[in-house]
C-alpha atoms as a PDB file:
ATOM      1  CA  UNK A   1       0.032   0.227   0.084  1.00  0.00           C
ATOM      2  CA  UNK A   2       2.873   2.230  -0.309  1.00  0.00           C
ATOM      3  CA  UNK A   3       1.221   4.611  -3.073  1.00  0.00           C
ATOM      4  CA  UNK A   4      -1.580   5.509  -0.849  1.00  0.00           C
ATOM      5  CA  UNK A   5      -1.259   8.145   1.698  1.00  0.00           C
ATOM      6  CA  UNK A   6      -1.915   7.410   5.644  1.00  0.00           C
ATOM      7  CA  UNK A   7      -5.921   8.738   4.974  1.00  0.00           C
ATOM      8  CA  UNK A   8      -5.974   6.310   2.617  1.00  0.00           C
ATOM      9  CA  UNK A   9      -4.621   3.232   4.573  1.00  0.00           C
ATOM     10  CA  UNK A  10      -6.922   4.489   7.635  1.00  0.00           C
ATOM     11  CA  UNK A  11     -10.165   4.734   5.936  1.00  0.00           C
ATOM     12  CA  UNK A  12      -9.316   0.614   4.579  1.00  0.00           C
ATOM     13  CA  UNK A  13      -8.279  -0.165   8.058  1.00  0.00           C
ATOM     14  CA  UNK A  14     -11.639   0.883   9.362  1.00  0.00           C
ATOM     15  CA  UNK A  15     -13.444  -0.603   6.537  1.00  0.00           C
ATOM     16  CA  UNK A  16     -11.937  -3.627   7.598  1.00  0.00           C
ATOM     17  CA  UNK A  17     -12.471  -3.747  11.334  1.00  0.00           C
ATOM     18  CA  UNK A  18     -16.386  -2.540  10.750  1.00  0.00           C
ATOM     19  CA  UNK A  19     -16.316  -6.039   8.669  1.00  0.00           C
ATOM     20  CA  UNK A  20     -14.827  -7.743  11.425  1.00  0.00           C
ATOM     21  CA  UNK A  21     -16.968  -6.325  14.244  1.00  0.00           C
ATOM     22  CA  UNK A  22     -19.601  -8.548  12.364  1.00  0.00           C
ATOM     23  CA  UNK A  23     -17.744 -11.725  13.011  1.00  0.00           C
ATOM     24  CA  UNK A  24     -16.475 -12.276   9.255  1.00  0.00           C
ATOM     25  CA  UNK A  25     -13.570 -12.565   8.355  1.00  0.00           C
ATOM     26  CA  UNK A  26     -11.347 -10.711   5.713  1.00  0.00           C
ATOM     27  CA  UNK A  27     -10.147 -13.338   3.056  1.00  0.00           C
ATOM     28  CA  UNK A  28      -8.424 -11.209   0.818  1.00  0.00           C
ATOM     29  CA  UNK A  29      -7.103  -7.763   0.020  1.00  0.00           C
ATOM     30  CA  UNK A  30      -5.901  -6.507  -3.045  1.00  0.00           C
ATOM     31  CA  UNK A  31      -4.672  -3.034  -4.886  1.00  0.00           C
ATOM     32  CA  UNK A  32      -5.689  -1.888  -8.280  1.00  0.00           C
ATOM     33  CA  UNK A  33      -5.139   1.614  -9.731  1.00  0.00           C
ATOM     34  CA  UNK A  34      -6.363   3.995  -6.942  1.00  0.00           C
ATOM     35  CA  UNK A  35      -8.419   1.509  -5.481  1.00  0.00           C
ATOM     36  CA  UNK A  36      -7.685  -0.772  -2.083  1.00  0.00           C
ATOM     37  CA  UNK A  37     -10.400  -3.248  -1.862  1.00  0.00           C
ATOM     38  CA  UNK A  38     -11.207  -6.639   0.532  1.00  0.00           C
ATOM     39  CA  UNK A  39     -13.006  -9.640   0.196  1.00  0.00           C
ATOM     40  CA  UNK A  40     -15.607 -11.113   2.447  1.00  0.00           C
ATOM     41  CA  UNK A  41     -18.434 -13.630   2.679  1.00  0.00           C
ATOM     42  CA  UNK A  42     -21.431 -14.514   4.857  1.00  0.00           C
ATOM     43  CA  UNK A  43     -22.982 -17.813   5.318  1.00  0.00           C
ATOM     44  CA  UNK A  44     -26.770 -18.088   5.700  1.00  0.00           C
ATOM     45  CA  UNK A  45     -28.682 -21.097   6.301  1.00  0.00           C
ATOM     46  CA  UNK A  46     -28.325 -22.862   2.475  1.00  0.00           C
ATOM     47  CA  UNK A  47     -25.882 -20.400   0.391  1.00  0.00           C
ATOM     48  CA  UNK A  48     -23.076 -17.987   0.726  1.00  0.00           C
ATOM     49  CA  UNK A  49     -22.758 -14.465  -0.565  1.00  0.00           C
ATOM     50  CA  UNK A  50     -19.649 -12.616  -1.350  1.00  0.00           C
ATOM     51  CA  UNK A  51     -18.799  -9.347   0.008  1.00  0.00           C
ATOM     52  CA  UNK A  52     -16.604  -6.586  -1.562  1.00  0.00           C
ATOM     53  CA  UNK A  53     -15.627  -3.603   0.179  1.00  0.00           C
ATOM     54  CA  UNK A  54     -13.576  -0.910  -1.148  1.00  0.00           C
ATOM     55  CA  UNK A  55     -11.828   2.652  -0.439  1.00  0.00           C
ATOM     56  CA  UNK A  56     -12.267   4.923  -4.128  1.00  0.00           C
ATOM     57  CA  UNK A  57      -9.304   7.424  -3.214  1.00  0.00           C
ATOM     58  CA  UNK A  58      -9.942   9.497  -6.223  1.00  0.00           C
ATOM     59  CA  UNK A  59     -13.115   9.887  -5.343  1.00  0.00           C
ATOM     60  CA  UNK A  60     -13.349   9.061  -1.870  1.00  0.00           C
ATOM     61  CA  UNK A  61     -16.264   6.855  -1.796  1.00  0.00           C
ATOM     62  CA  UNK A  62     -16.393   3.780   0.627  1.00  0.00           C
ATOM     63  CA  UNK A  63     -17.887   0.907  -1.543  1.00  0.00           C
ATOM     64  CA  UNK A  64     -19.271  -2.470  -0.533  1.00  0.00           C
ATOM     65  CA  UNK A  65     -20.256  -4.844  -3.319  1.00  0.00           C
ATOM     66  CA  UNK A  66     -22.788  -7.524  -2.552  1.00  0.00           C
ATOM     67  CA  UNK A  67     -21.942 -10.898  -4.667  1.00  0.00           C
ATOM     68  CA  UNK A  68     -24.118 -13.930  -5.731  1.00  0.00           C
ATOM     69  CA  UNK A  69     -22.633 -16.181  -7.873  1.00  0.00           C
ATOM     70  CA  UNK A  70     -22.201 -16.563 -12.004  1.00  0.00           C
ATOM     71  CA  UNK A  71     -25.453 -17.479 -13.487  1.00  0.00           C
ATOM     72  CA  UNK A  72     -25.901 -19.798 -16.237  1.00  0.00           C
ATOM     73  CA  UNK A  73     -26.260 -18.222 -19.173  1.00  0.00           C
ATOM     74  CA  UNK A  74     -29.770 -20.090 -20.026  1.00  0.00           C
ATOM     75  CA  UNK A  75     -31.090 -17.837 -16.923  1.00  0.00           C
ATOM     76  CA  UNK A  76     -30.015 -14.715 -18.058  1.00  0.00           C
ATOM     77  CA  UNK A  77     -33.444 -13.150 -19.426  1.00  0.00           C
ATOM     78  CA  UNK A  78     -35.453 -14.499 -16.974  1.00  0.00           C
ATOM     79  CA  UNK A  79     -33.155 -12.912 -14.023  1.00  0.00           C
ATOM     80  CA  UNK A  80     -33.172  -9.699 -15.422  1.00  0.00           C
ATOM     81  CA  UNK A  81     -37.415 -10.195 -15.374  1.00  0.00           C
ATOM     82  CA  UNK A  82     -36.606 -10.941 -11.368  1.00  0.00           C
ATOM     83  CA  UNK A  83     -34.495  -8.583 -10.798  1.00  0.00           C
ATOM     84  CA  UNK A  84     -36.679  -6.105 -12.340  1.00  0.00           C
ATOM     85  CA  UNK A  85     -39.141  -7.015  -9.868  1.00  0.00           C
ATOM     86  CA  UNK A  86     -37.167  -6.863  -6.916  1.00  0.00           C
ATOM     87  CA  UNK A  87     -35.776  -3.820  -8.117  1.00  0.00           C
ATOM     88  CA  UNK A  88     -39.134  -2.215  -8.020  1.00  0.00           C
ATOM     89  CA  UNK A  89     -39.028  -2.389  -4.386  1.00  0.00           C
ATOM     90  CA  UNK A  90     -35.605  -1.058  -3.316  1.00  0.00           C
ATOM     91  CA  UNK A  91     -34.983   2.682  -2.736  1.00  0.00           C
ATOM     92  CA  UNK A  92     -31.453   3.110  -1.839  1.00  0.00           C
ATOM     93  CA  UNK A  93     -29.735   0.334  -3.924  1.00  0.00           C
ATOM     94  CA  UNK A  94     -30.280  -2.004  -6.777  1.00  0.00           C
ATOM     95  CA  UNK A  95     -29.216  -5.094  -8.068  1.00  0.00           C
ATOM     96  CA  UNK A  96     -27.431  -5.615 -11.770  1.00  0.00           C
ATOM     97  CA  UNK A  97     -25.490  -8.060 -13.158  1.00  0.00           C
ATOM     98  CA  UNK A  98     -22.174  -7.873 -14.645  1.00  0.00           C
ATOM     99  CA  UNK A  99     -22.120  -8.776 -18.353  1.00  0.00           C
ATOM    100  CA  UNK A 100     -18.963 -10.069 -18.655  1.00  0.00           C
ATOM    101  CA  UNK A 101     -19.027 -12.200 -15.375  1.00  0.00           C
ATOM    102  CA  UNK A 102     -22.756 -12.834 -15.085  1.00  0.00           C
ATOM    103  CA  UNK A 103     -22.396 -12.212 -11.240  1.00  0.00           C
ATOM    104  CA  UNK A 104     -24.986 -10.575  -9.431  1.00  0.00           C
ATOM    105  CA  UNK A 105     -24.212  -7.615  -7.748  1.00  0.00           C
ATOM    106  CA  UNK A 106     -25.755  -5.112  -5.020  1.00  0.00           C
ATOM    107  CA  UNK A 107     -23.901  -2.020  -4.774  1.00  0.00           C
ATOM    108  CA  UNK A 108     -23.777   0.484  -2.056  1.00  0.00           C
ATOM    109  CA  UNK A 109     -21.130   3.323  -0.612  1.00  0.00           C
ATOM    110  CA  UNK A 110     -21.068   6.556   1.353  1.00  0.00           C
ATOM    111  CA  UNK A 111     -18.778   9.627   0.483  1.00  0.00           C
ATOM    112  CA  UNK A 112     -15.805  10.155   3.023  1.00  0.00           C
ATOM    113  CA  UNK A 113     -16.002  13.691   3.559  1.00  0.00           C
ATOM    114  CA  UNK A 114     -13.193  13.976   6.292  1.00  0.00           C
ATOM    115  CA  UNK A 115     -10.350  12.447   7.597  1.00  0.00           C
ATOM    116  CA  UNK A 116     -11.962   9.395   8.545  1.00  0.00           C
ATOM    117  CA  UNK A 117     -14.381   6.944   8.001  1.00  0.00           C
ATOM    118  CA  UNK A 118     -18.183   6.720   9.909  1.00  0.00           C
ATOM    119  CA  UNK A 119     -18.002   3.808  10.761  1.00  0.00           C
ATOM    120  CA  UNK A 120     -21.505   3.483  12.194  1.00  0.00           C
ATOM    121  CA  UNK A 121     -22.760   4.993   8.690  1.00  0.00           C
ATOM    122  CA  UNK A 122     -20.535   1.985   6.953  1.00  0.00           C
ATOM    123  CA  UNK A 123     -22.163  -0.374   9.149  1.00  0.00           C
ATOM    124  CA  UNK A 124     -25.594   0.465   8.815  1.00  0.00           C
ATOM    125  CA  UNK A 125     -24.959  -0.034   5.011  1.00  0.00           C
ATOM    126  CA  UNK A 126     -23.749  -3.314   5.433  1.00  0.00           C
ATOM    127  CA  UNK A 127     -26.527  -4.459   8.022  1.00  0.00           C
ATOM    128  CA  UNK A 128     -29.284  -3.488   5.376  1.00  0.00           C
ATOM    129  CA  UNK A 129     -27.204  -5.250   2.410  1.00  0.00           C
ATOM    130  CA  UNK A 130     -27.326  -8.548   4.793  1.00  0.00           C
ATOM    131  CA  UNK A 131     -30.999  -8.091   5.636  1.00  0.00           C
ATOM    132  CA  UNK A 132     -31.366  -7.801   1.998  1.00  0.00           C
ATOM    133  CA  UNK A 133     -29.733 -10.606   0.941  1.00  0.00           C
ATOM    134  CA  UNK A 134     -31.478 -12.494   3.426  1.00  0.00           C
ATOM    135  CA  UNK A 135     -34.922 -11.669   2.218  1.00  0.00           C
ATOM    136  CA  UNK A 136     -33.977 -12.052  -1.763  1.00  0.00           C
ATOM    137  CA  UNK A 137     -31.490 -14.580  -2.272  1.00  0.00           C
ATOM    138  CA  UNK A 138     -33.785 -17.587  -1.854  1.00  0.00           C
ATOM    139  CA  UNK A 139     -35.923 -15.783  -4.664  1.00  0.00           C
ATOM    140  CA  UNK A 140     -32.611 -15.847  -6.707  1.00  0.00           C
ATOM    141  CA  UNK A 141     -32.205 -19.160  -5.539  1.00  0.00           C
ATOM    142  CA  UNK A 142     -34.847 -20.889  -6.491  1.00  0.00           C
ATOM    143  CA  UNK A 143     -35.658 -19.076 -10.313  1.00  0.00           C
ATOM    144  CA  UNK A 144     -31.823 -21.240 -10.525  1.00  0.00           C
ATOM    145  CA  UNK A 145     -32.981 -24.540  -8.896  1.00  0.00           C
ATOM    146  CA  UNK A 146     -36.503 -24.420 -10.043  1.00  0.00           C
ATOM    147  CA  UNK A 147     -38.482 -24.289 -13.436  1.00  0.00           C
ATOM    148  CA  UNK A 148     -40.822 -21.650 -11.900  1.00  0.00           C
ATOM    149  CA  UNK A 149     -40.857 -18.369 -13.926  1.00  0.00           C
ATOM    150  CA  UNK A 150     -40.203 -14.765 -12.100  1.00  0.00           C
ATOM    151  CA  UNK A 151     -43.214 -13.823 -12.116  1.00  0.00           C
ATOM    152  CA  UNK A 152     -44.896 -17.178  -9.503  1.00  0.00           C
ATOM    153  CA  UNK A 153     -41.939 -16.748  -7.722  1.00  0.00           C
ATOM    154  CA  UNK A 154     -42.660 -13.170  -6.912  1.00  0.00           C
ATOM    155  CA  UNK A 155     -46.681 -13.759  -6.292  1.00  0.00           C
ATOM    156  CA  UNK A 156     -45.149 -16.874  -4.002  1.00  0.00           C
ATOM    157  CA  UNK A 157     -43.694 -14.334  -2.502  1.00  0.00           C
ATOM    158  CA  UNK A 158     -46.127 -11.875  -1.198  1.00  0.00           C
ATOM    159  CA  UNK A 159     -48.591 -14.267  -0.760  1.00  0.00           C
ATOM    160  CA  UNK A 160     -46.353 -16.075   1.936  1.00  0.00           C
ATOM    161  CA  UNK A 161     -47.311 -14.991   5.676  1.00  0.00           C
ATOM    162  CA  UNK A 162     -45.317 -11.869   6.326  1.00  0.00           C
ATOM    163  CA  UNK A 163     -45.445 -12.041  10.278  1.00  0.00           C
ATOM    164  CA  UNK A 164     -42.527 -14.548  11.896  1.00  0.00           C
ATOM    165  CA  UNK A 165     -41.355 -14.787  15.322  1.00  0.00           C
ATOM    166  CA  UNK A 166     -37.621 -14.501  16.826  1.00  0.00           C
ATOM    167  CA  UNK A 167     -36.663 -16.765  19.541  1.00  0.00           C
ATOM    168  CA  UNK A 168     -34.922 -16.104  22.649  1.00  0.00           C
ATOM    169  CA  UNK A 169     -31.609 -16.954  20.618  1.00  0.00           C
ATOM    170  CA  UNK A 170     -32.766 -14.349  18.050  1.00  0.00           C
ATOM    171  CA  UNK A 171     -33.252 -16.982  15.375  1.00  0.00           C
ATOM    172  CA  UNK A 172     -36.557 -17.253  13.350  1.00  0.00           C
ATOM    173  CA  UNK A 173     -39.123 -19.647  14.646  1.00  0.00           C
ATOM    174  CA  UNK A 174     -42.557 -20.925  15.933  1.00  0.00           C
ATOM    175  CA  UNK A 175     -43.395 -17.914  19.037  1.00  0.00           C
ATOM    176  CA  UNK A 176     -42.272 -19.656  22.223  1.00  0.00           C
ATOM    177  CA  UNK A 177     -41.811 -18.420  25.546  1.00  0.00           C
ATOM    178  CA  UNK A 178     -39.270 -19.658  28.118  1.00  0.00           C
ATOM    179  CA  UNK A 179     -38.396 -18.859  31.277  1.00  0.00           C
ATOM    180  CA  UNK A 180     -35.351 -16.845  30.688  1.00  0.00           C
ATOM    181  CA  UNK A 181     -37.259 -14.483  27.777  1.00  0.00           C
ATOM    182  CA  UNK A 182     -40.767 -14.727  28.706  1.00  0.00           C
ATOM    183  CA  UNK A 183     -42.086 -13.202  26.051  1.00  0.00           C
ATOM    184  CA  UNK A 184     -42.148 -13.174  22.195  1.00  0.00           C
ATOM    185  CA  UNK A 185     -40.517 -10.711  19.167  1.00  0.00           C
ATOM    186  CA  UNK A 186     -42.588 -10.016  15.916  1.00  0.00           C
ATOM    187  CA  UNK A 187     -40.125  -9.581  12.741  1.00  0.00           C
ATOM    188  CA  UNK A 188     -41.029  -9.187   9.224  1.00  0.00           C
ATOM    189  CA  UNK A 189     -40.310 -11.394   6.695  1.00  0.00           C
ATOM    190  CA  UNK A 190     -40.899  -9.344   3.692  1.00  0.00           C
ATOM    191  CA  UNK A 191     -40.779  -5.522   2.552  1.00  0.00           C
ATOM    192  CA  UNK A 192     -42.208  -2.971   3.136  1.00  0.00           C
ATOM    193  CA  UNK A 193     -41.730  -4.388   6.368  1.00  0.00           C
ATOM    194  CA  UNK A 194     -43.125  -3.126  10.035  1.00  0.00           C
ATOM    195  CA  UNK A 195     -40.887  -2.367  13.200  1.00  0.00           C
ATOM    196  CA  UNK A 196     -39.651  -5.252  15.067  1.00  0.00           C
ATOM    197  CA  UNK A 197     -41.674  -5.304  18.494  1.00  0.00           C
ATOM    198  CA  UNK A 198     -42.803  -7.527  21.556  1.00  0.00           C
ATOM    199  CA  UNK A 199     -45.611  -8.954  22.671  1.00  0.00           C
ATOM    200  CA  UNK A 200     -46.625 -10.172  26.467  1.00  0.00           C
ATOM    201  CA  UNK A 201     -44.521  -7.693  28.033  1.00  0.00           C
ATOM    202  CA  UNK A 202     -47.371  -5.894  29.267  1.00  0.00           C
ATOM    203  CA  UNK A 203     -48.291  -9.062  31.579  1.00  0.00           C
ATOM    204  CA  UNK A 204     -45.165  -8.367  33.081  1.00  0.00           C
ATOM    205  CA  UNK A 205     -45.362  -4.958  34.008  1.00  0.00           C
ATOM    206  CA  UNK A 206     -43.200  -3.912  31.462  1.00  0.00           C
ATOM    207  CA  UNK A 207     -43.457  -1.638  28.053  1.00  0.00           C
ATOM    208  CA  UNK A 208     -43.547  -3.304  24.656  1.00  0.00           C
ATOM    209  CA  UNK A 209     -40.196  -2.712  22.817  1.00  0.00           C
ATOM    210  CA  UNK A 210     -39.908  -1.370  19.120  1.00  0.00           C
ATOM    211  CA  UNK A 211     -37.292  -1.153  17.150  1.00  0.00           C
ATOM    212  CA  UNK A 212     -36.529  -0.379  13.061  1.00  0.00           C
ATOM    213  CA  UNK A 213     -36.571  -3.593  11.438  1.00  0.00           C
ATOM    214  CA  UNK A 214     -33.496  -2.436   9.352  1.00  0.00           C
ATOM    215  CA  UNK A 215     -31.640  -0.992  12.828  1.00  0.00           C
ATOM    216  CA  UNK A 216     -29.214  -4.034  13.564  1.00  0.00           C
ATOM    217  CA  UNK A 217     -30.830  -6.583  11.282  1.00  0.00           C
ATOM    218  CA  UNK A 218     -33.290  -9.372  12.731  1.00  0.00           C
ATOM    219  CA  UNK A 219     -31.037 -11.442  14.728  1.00  0.00           C
ATOM    220  CA  UNK A 220     -29.097  -8.121  16.017  1.00  0.00           C
ATOM    221  CA  UNK A 221     -32.618  -6.567  17.006  1.00  0.00           C
ATOM    222  CA  UNK A 222     -33.501  -9.563  18.960  1.00  0.00           C
ATOM    223  CA  UNK A 223     -30.391  -9.185  20.993  1.00  0.00           C
ATOM    224  CA  UNK A 224     -30.971  -5.426  21.644  1.00  0.00           C
ATOM    225  CA  UNK A 225     -34.167  -6.336  22.812  1.00  0.00           C
ATOM    226  CA  UNK A 226     -33.535  -9.494  24.536  1.00  0.00           C
ATOM    227  CA  UNK A 227     -30.251  -7.375  26.404  1.00  0.00           C
ATOM    228  CA  UNK A 228     -32.742  -4.493  27.233  1.00  0.00           C
ATOM    229  CA  UNK A 229     -35.065  -6.686  29.242  1.00  0.00           C
ATOM    230  CA  UNK A 230     -32.435  -7.832  31.457  1.00  0.00           C
ATOM    231  CA  UNK A 231     -31.214  -4.870  31.944  1.00  0.00           C
ATOM    232  CA  UNK A 232     -34.513  -2.795  32.823  1.00  0.00           C
ATOM    233  CA  UNK A 233     -35.524  -5.849  35.107  1.00  0.00           C
ATOM    234  CA  UNK A 234     -32.773  -5.136  37.313  1.00  0.00           C
ATOM    235  CA  UNK A 235     -33.566  -3.466  40.193  1.00  0.00           C
ATOM    236  CA  UNK A 236     -30.907  -0.899  40.428  1.00  0.00           C
ATOM    237  CA  UNK A 237     -32.032   0.096  36.926  1.00  0.00           C
ATOM    238  CA  UNK A 238     -35.780   0.575  37.222  1.00  0.00           C
ATOM    239  CA  UNK A 239     -35.582   4.428  38.059  1.00  0.00           C
ATOM    240  CA  UNK A 240     -34.534   4.554  34.476  1.00  0.00           C
ATOM    241  CA  UNK A 241     -37.589   2.674  33.187  1.00  0.00           C
ATOM    242  CA  UNK A 242     -39.325   4.768  35.391  1.00  0.00           C
ATOM    243  CA  UNK A 243     -38.018   8.120  34.084  1.00  0.00           C
ATOM    244  CA  UNK A 244     -38.373   6.913  30.126  1.00  0.00           C
ATOM    245  CA  UNK A 245     -41.701   6.846  31.183  1.00  0.00           C
ATOM    246  CA  UNK A 246     -42.224  10.028  32.325  1.00  0.00           C
ATOM    247  CA  UNK A 247     -40.685  11.431  29.149  1.00  0.00           C
ATOM    248  CA  UNK A 248     -37.002  11.486  29.444  1.00  0.00           C
ATOM    249  CA  UNK A 249     -35.005   9.651  27.099  1.00  0.00           C
ATOM    250  CA  UNK A 250     -32.344   7.224  28.506  1.00  0.00           C
ATOM    251  CA  UNK A 251     -28.990   6.746  26.368  1.00  0.00           C
ATOM    252  CA  UNK A 252     -26.771   2.927  27.148  1.00  0.00           C
ATOM    253  CA  UNK A 253     -23.855   1.414  25.309  1.00  0.00           C
ATOM    254  CA  UNK A 254     -23.593  -1.705  24.757  1.00  0.00           C
ATOM    255  CA  UNK A 255     -21.216  -2.550  27.663  1.00  0.00           C
ATOM    256  CA  UNK A 256     -24.084  -1.539  29.840  1.00  0.00           C
ATOM    257  CA  UNK A 257     -26.665  -3.964  28.543  1.00  0.00           C
ATOM    258  CA  UNK A 258     -24.052  -6.441  28.564  1.00  0.00           C
ATOM    259  CA  UNK A 259     -20.957  -5.691  30.427  1.00  0.00           C
ATOM    260  CA  UNK A 260     -18.550  -8.805  28.587  1.00  0.00           C
ATOM    261  CA  UNK A 261     -19.527  -7.109  25.279  1.00  0.00           C
ATOM    262  CA  UNK A 262     -16.637  -5.501  23.105  1.00  0.00           C
ATOM    263  CA  UNK A 263     -16.952  -1.707  24.156  1.00  0.00           C
ATOM    264  CA  UNK A 264     -18.638   0.207  20.707  1.00  0.00           C
ATOM    265  CA  UNK A 265     -19.546   3.622  19.745  1.00  0.00           C
ATOM    266  CA  UNK A 266     -23.197   3.325  19.144  1.00  0.00           C
ATOM    267  CA  UNK A 267     -25.669   4.334  21.738  1.00  0.00           C
ATOM    268  CA  UNK A 268     -28.820   3.238  22.177  1.00  0.00           C
ATOM    269  CA  UNK A 269     -31.769   5.554  23.194  1.00  0.00           C
ATOM    270  CA  UNK A 270     -34.866   4.807  24.535  1.00  0.00           C
ATOM    271  CA  UNK A 271     -37.843   6.716  24.424  1.00  0.00           C
ATOM    272  CA  UNK A 272     -41.487   6.661  25.260  1.00  0.00           C
ATOM    273  CA  UNK A 273     -44.038   6.419  22.499  1.00  0.00           C
ATOM    274  CA  UNK A 274     -47.566   6.375  21.829  1.00  0.00           C
ATOM    275  CA  UNK A 275     -50.414   4.689  20.040  1.00  0.00           C
ATOM    276  CA  UNK A 276     -50.647   7.621  17.679  1.00  0.00           C
ATOM    277  CA  UNK A 277     -47.128   7.216  16.783  1.00  0.00           C
ATOM    278  CA  UNK A 278     -46.843   5.647  13.067  1.00  0.00           C
ATOM    279  CA  UNK A 279     -44.287   3.119  14.187  1.00  0.00           C
ATOM    280  CA  UNK A 280     -46.546   1.750  16.911  1.00  0.00           C
ATOM    281  CA  UNK A 281     -49.458   1.681  14.567  1.00  0.00           C
ATOM    282  CA  UNK A 282     -47.844  -0.068  11.938  1.00  0.00           C
ATOM    283  CA  UNK A 283     -46.143  -2.485  14.575  1.00  0.00           C
ATOM    284  CA  UNK A 284     -49.447  -3.874  16.010  1.00  0.00           C
ATOM    285  CA  UNK A 285     -51.527  -3.283  13.280  1.00  0.00           C
ATOM    286  CA  UNK A 286     -53.529  -0.241  14.826  1.00  0.00           C
ATOM    287  CA  UNK A 287     -56.039   1.347  12.872  1.00  0.00           C
ATOM    288  CA  UNK A 288     -57.454   2.980  16.279  1.00  0.00           C
ATOM    289  CA  UNK A 289     -55.103   4.039  18.923  1.00  0.00           C
ATOM    290  CA  UNK A 290     -57.778   3.787  21.352  1.00  0.00           C
ATOM    291  CA  UNK A 291     -57.679  -0.066  20.527  1.00  0.00           C
ATOM    292  CA  UNK A 292     -54.365   0.055  23.354  1.00  0.00           C
ATOM    293  CA  UNK A 293     -55.639  -1.345  26.662  1.00  0.00           C
ATOM    294  CA  UNK A 294     -54.806   1.133  29.052  1.00  0.00           C
ATOM    295  CA  UNK A 295     -52.134  -0.733  31.062  1.00  0.00           C
ATOM    296  CA  UNK A 296     -49.817  -0.739  27.820  1.00  0.00           C
ATOM    297  CA  UNK A 297     -47.430   1.256  27.068  1.00  0.00           C
ATOM    298  CA  UNK A 298     -44.266   1.557  24.685  1.00  0.00           C
ATOM    299  CA  UNK A 299     -40.654   2.257  24.328  1.00  0.00           C
ATOM    300  CA  UNK A 300     -38.664   2.866  21.404  1.00  0.00           C
ATOM    301  CA  UNK A 301     -35.237   1.501  21.129  1.00  0.00           C
ATOM    302  CA  UNK A 302     -32.879   3.718  18.116  1.00  0.00           C
ATOM    303  CA  UNK A 303     -29.102   3.974  17.939  1.00  0.00           C
ATOM    304  CA  UNK A 304     -28.448   7.918  18.568  1.00  0.00           C
ATOM    305  CA  UNK A 305     -28.088  10.026  15.141  1.00  0.00           C
ATOM    306  CA  UNK A 306     -30.602   7.996  13.504  1.00  0.00           C
ATOM    307  CA  UNK A 307     -33.409  10.902  13.701  1.00  0.00           C
ATOM    308  CA  UNK A 308     -35.138   9.235  10.541  1.00  0.00           C
ATOM    309  CA  UNK A 309     -36.248   6.653  12.933  1.00  0.00           C
ATOM    310  CA  UNK A 310     -38.149   9.121  14.816  1.00  0.00           C
ATOM    311  CA  UNK A 311     -40.542  10.357  12.209  1.00  0.00           C
ATOM    312  CA  UNK A 312     -43.943   8.983  11.069  1.00  0.00           C
ATOM    313  CA  UNK A 313     -43.158   9.291   7.787  1.00  0.00           C
ATOM    314  CA  UNK A 314     -40.448   6.666   8.008  1.00  0.00           C
ATOM    315  CA  UNK A 315     -42.975   4.086   8.804  1.00  0.00           C
ATOM    316  CA  UNK A 316     -45.918   4.904   6.367  1.00  0.00           C
ATOM    317  CA  UNK A 317     -46.718   2.751   4.362  1.00  0.00           C
ATOM    318  CA  UNK A 318     -44.284  -0.259   5.584  1.00  0.00           C
ATOM    319  CA  UNK A 319     -40.125   0.381   5.860  1.00  0.00           C
ATOM    320  CA  UNK A 320     -39.065   0.300   2.635  1.00  0.00           C
ATOM    321  CA  UNK A 321     -35.131   0.039   1.615  1.00  0.00           C
END
C-alpha cells in the first residue's frame, strides 16, 4: 500500500474493522490503480454471499458490493425479469448483473467527507445489505434451481405469511415463551416491513419494545431487545425505566446492556412512544389508537443519530429499503 497515503490506509483499515466487528473474516486484500479492496463472505442457512468492500481514493467513496454467484447463461433473461421486479421495491440501492462475469451485485456506498470513515454509517449499509440478502437471495436461488418463472416466484413471495417471530436465541421460529425470555419478538419477513416489536411484556408490568426493522438486522434486533429486557428488569435500573415512562430519553452503550461485550461507539436511546405514533400503529396493526389497553405502554429503541427513525413518515406504508 505504499502508493496510498496515511489517510487512505486508515480509512481502509476502518472498513476492515467494520467487517470484523460483525464476526466476518477478511479473506483477501487487493490494490488496483487508485482503489484498495478487500473480500469477505457471509454464510446464510443454505448459501453464501460474497462481500467486496473497497475505498476509491480519487472520489473518496467507501463502497460495498454484495455478490451472488455467476449465473448460467440460459437463466440470464429470466433473471433480468426477476431483478426488475425486486428492484421496484428497493429504494437506496439496486441489483444488477455484470455482463462479463454474470455475477449478481448489490452496490452501495458512502462519501468520506472528513479524514476518517464514519464506521456507524458504513455498518448500517452492511446491515441493510445483509437483510436484503436474507430476503432476496432465496428468490434468486429458486429461479436457478426450479422451473418456476419470475412472476410466479414473486406472487408466492407476496402471498406468504408476512409475520414471523424471533425466539430467545434471535433466530426466526415459532413463538415460544421461555423462563429466561418470557415474551416473543415479532419480525417482518417481507418488504415493506413493519418494525420489530415485542408481545407479552405488558403482562410482566413492562413496556413493549419496538426497534427499526433495519437497525441491527433481525438477529441483532432480537439481541438488543433481549438485553434491554434483562437490563431494565434489574432492581438498580428501575428508576431509569420510570424516567422513560415520564418522558425522558435514556441512553445506554453496549457494555451497559452486556458488561462482557466488546465496547462500541453506538449509543442506544430509549424513549416512550404512544399509540398515535406511526411506528406503533404499523407494528401492532392499529387502525384506532384507542384499541390499546390502558396498562400497555411502548418504548422505542433507536441508535443515536438515526433521526429518521423518529418520524411518522419513515414508517408510513411500511419500512422500505
